[in-house]
Amino acid sequence: MTHLPYILSSYGLTAIAALWLSIALRLRLKRARARLAGLERAARAQERRSP
C-alpha cells in the first residue's frame, strides 16, 4: 500500500485552502478600498463646505 493518495490529498486540501483564503482576502481588500474611497470623498466634500 502506498501513501501517495494521502499525500496528494493533503497537498490538494492545502492548495484549496490557500486559494480560498487568497480569494477572500482579495474581496475583502476590494471592499475596504471602496469604503476608504467613499470616506475620502465625504471628507473632501466636508472640507469644501466649511471654510
N, C-alpha and C. Protein backbone atom coordinates (compact mmCIF):
# COMPACT_ATOMS: atom_id res chain seq x y z
N MET A 1 0.84 -1.18 0.00
CA MET A 1 0.00 0.00 0.00
C MET A 1 0.89 1.25 0.00
N THR A 2 0.54 2.16 -0.86
CA THR A 2 1.33 3.38 -0.98
C THR A 2 0.63 4.52 -0.26
N HIS A 3 1.39 5.47 0.17
CA HIS A 3 0.85 6.63 0.88
C HIS A 3 0.56 7.79 -0.05
N LEU A 4 0.79 7.58 -1.32
CA LEU A 4 0.64 8.65 -2.30
C LEU A 4 -0.75 9.30 -2.29
N PRO A 5 -1.86 8.55 -2.22
CA PRO A 5 -3.17 9.23 -2.20
C PRO A 5 -3.34 10.16 -1.00
N TYR A 6 -2.85 9.76 0.14
CA TYR A 6 -2.96 10.60 1.34
C TYR A 6 -2.10 11.86 1.21
N ILE A 7 -0.93 11.70 0.65
CA ILE A 7 -0.03 12.84 0.47
C ILE A 7 -0.62 13.82 -0.55
N LEU A 8 -1.11 13.29 -1.68
CA LEU A 8 -1.70 14.15 -2.69
C LEU A 8 -2.96 14.85 -2.20
N SER A 9 -3.76 14.15 -1.43
CA SER A 9 -4.98 14.77 -0.90
C SER A 9 -4.65 15.87 0.10
N SER A 10 -3.63 15.69 0.90
CA SER A 10 -3.26 16.74 1.85
C SER A 10 -2.70 17.96 1.13
N TYR A 11 -1.90 17.74 0.09
CA TYR A 11 -1.43 18.87 -0.70
C TYR A 11 -2.58 19.55 -1.42
N GLY A 12 -3.51 18.77 -1.92
CA GLY A 12 -4.68 19.33 -2.60
C GLY A 12 -5.53 20.18 -1.66
N LEU A 13 -5.77 19.67 -0.47
CA LEU A 13 -6.55 20.43 0.51
C LEU A 13 -5.83 21.72 0.91
N THR A 14 -4.52 21.63 1.03
CA THR A 14 -3.74 22.82 1.37
C THR A 14 -3.82 23.86 0.25
N ALA A 15 -3.74 23.40 -0.99
CA ALA A 15 -3.84 24.33 -2.13
C ALA A 15 -5.22 24.96 -2.20
N ILE A 16 -6.26 24.17 -1.96
CA ILE A 16 -7.63 24.70 -1.98
C ILE A 16 -7.83 25.72 -0.86
N ALA A 17 -7.30 25.43 0.32
CA ALA A 17 -7.42 26.36 1.44
C ALA A 17 -6.68 27.67 1.15
N ALA A 18 -5.50 27.57 0.57
CA ALA A 18 -4.74 28.77 0.24
C ALA A 18 -5.47 29.59 -0.82
N LEU A 19 -6.03 28.92 -1.81
CA LEU A 19 -6.79 29.61 -2.85
C LEU A 19 -8.03 30.28 -2.26
N TRP A 20 -8.73 29.58 -1.40
CA TRP A 20 -9.92 30.13 -0.74
C TRP A 20 -9.56 31.39 0.06
N LEU A 21 -8.50 31.31 0.83
CA LEU A 21 -8.10 32.45 1.65
C LEU A 21 -7.64 33.63 0.80
N SER A 22 -6.95 33.37 -0.30
CA SER A 22 -6.49 34.47 -1.15
C SER A 22 -7.66 35.14 -1.86
N ILE A 23 -8.66 34.38 -2.27
CA ILE A 23 -9.85 34.97 -2.89
C ILE A 23 -10.61 35.80 -1.87
N ALA A 24 -10.77 35.27 -0.66
CA ALA A 24 -11.47 36.01 0.39
C ALA A 24 -10.72 37.30 0.72
N LEU A 25 -9.40 37.24 0.76
CA LEU A 25 -8.60 38.43 1.04
C LEU A 25 -8.75 39.47 -0.05
N ARG A 26 -8.74 39.02 -1.30
CA ARG A 26 -8.88 39.95 -2.42
C ARG A 26 -10.24 40.66 -2.37
N LEU A 27 -11.30 39.91 -2.08
CA LEU A 27 -12.63 40.52 -2.00
C LEU A 27 -12.73 41.49 -0.83
N ARG A 28 -12.14 41.11 0.30
CA ARG A 28 -12.17 41.99 1.47
C ARG A 28 -11.39 43.27 1.21
N LEU A 29 -10.26 43.16 0.55
CA LEU A 29 -9.44 44.32 0.23
C LEU A 29 -10.16 45.24 -0.74
N LYS A 30 -10.87 44.67 -1.71
CA LYS A 30 -11.62 45.47 -2.67
C LYS A 30 -12.72 46.26 -1.97
N ARG A 31 -13.45 45.61 -1.04
CA ARG A 31 -14.49 46.32 -0.29
C ARG A 31 -13.90 47.40 0.60
N ALA A 32 -12.75 47.13 1.21
CA ALA A 32 -12.12 48.11 2.08
C ALA A 32 -11.65 49.33 1.28
N ARG A 33 -11.11 49.10 0.09
CA ARG A 33 -10.67 50.22 -0.73
C ARG A 33 -11.84 51.08 -1.19
N ALA A 34 -12.95 50.42 -1.53
CA ALA A 34 -14.14 51.16 -1.93
C ALA A 34 -14.68 51.98 -0.76
N ARG A 35 -14.67 51.40 0.42
CA ARG A 35 -15.13 52.13 1.61
C ARG A 35 -14.22 53.32 1.91
N LEU A 36 -12.92 53.13 1.79
CA LEU A 36 -11.97 54.21 2.02
C LEU A 36 -12.16 55.32 1.00
N ALA A 37 -12.39 54.96 -0.25
CA ALA A 37 -12.62 55.98 -1.28
C ALA A 37 -13.86 56.79 -0.95
N GLY A 38 -14.91 56.14 -0.47
CA GLY A 38 -16.12 56.85 -0.07
C GLY A 38 -15.88 57.79 1.10
N LEU A 39 -15.12 57.35 2.06
CA LEU A 39 -14.79 58.19 3.20
C LEU A 39 -13.95 59.40 2.78
N GLU A 40 -13.01 59.17 1.87
CA GLU A 40 -12.18 60.28 1.40
C GLU A 40 -13.00 61.29 0.61
N ARG A 41 -13.95 60.82 -0.21
CA ARG A 41 -14.82 61.73 -0.94
C ARG A 41 -15.67 62.55 0.03
N ALA A 42 -16.19 61.91 1.06
CA ALA A 42 -17.00 62.62 2.04
C ALA A 42 -16.17 63.65 2.79
N ALA A 43 -14.93 63.31 3.11
CA ALA A 43 -14.06 64.25 3.82
C ALA A 43 -13.72 65.45 2.95
N ARG A 44 -13.47 65.21 1.66
CA ARG A 44 -13.18 66.33 0.75
C ARG A 44 -14.40 67.23 0.58
N ALA A 45 -15.57 66.63 0.50
CA ALA A 45 -16.79 67.42 0.37
C ALA A 45 -17.02 68.25 1.64
N GLN A 46 -16.71 67.68 2.78
CA GLN A 46 -16.86 68.39 4.06
C GLN A 46 -15.89 69.57 4.12
N GLU A 47 -14.66 69.38 3.61
CA GLU A 47 -13.68 70.46 3.63
C GLU A 47 -14.11 71.61 2.73
N ARG A 48 -14.72 71.29 1.62
CA ARG A 48 -15.15 72.35 0.69
C ARG A 48 -16.30 73.17 1.26
N ARG A 49 -17.16 72.53 2.03
CA ARG A 49 -18.32 73.25 2.58
C ARG A 49 -17.94 74.17 3.72
N SER A 50 -17.01 73.75 4.56
CA SER A 50 -16.65 74.59 5.71
C SER A 50 -15.32 75.28 5.47
N PRO A 51 -15.30 76.62 5.53
CA PRO A 51 -14.07 77.37 5.25
C PRO A 51 -13.05 77.28 6.35
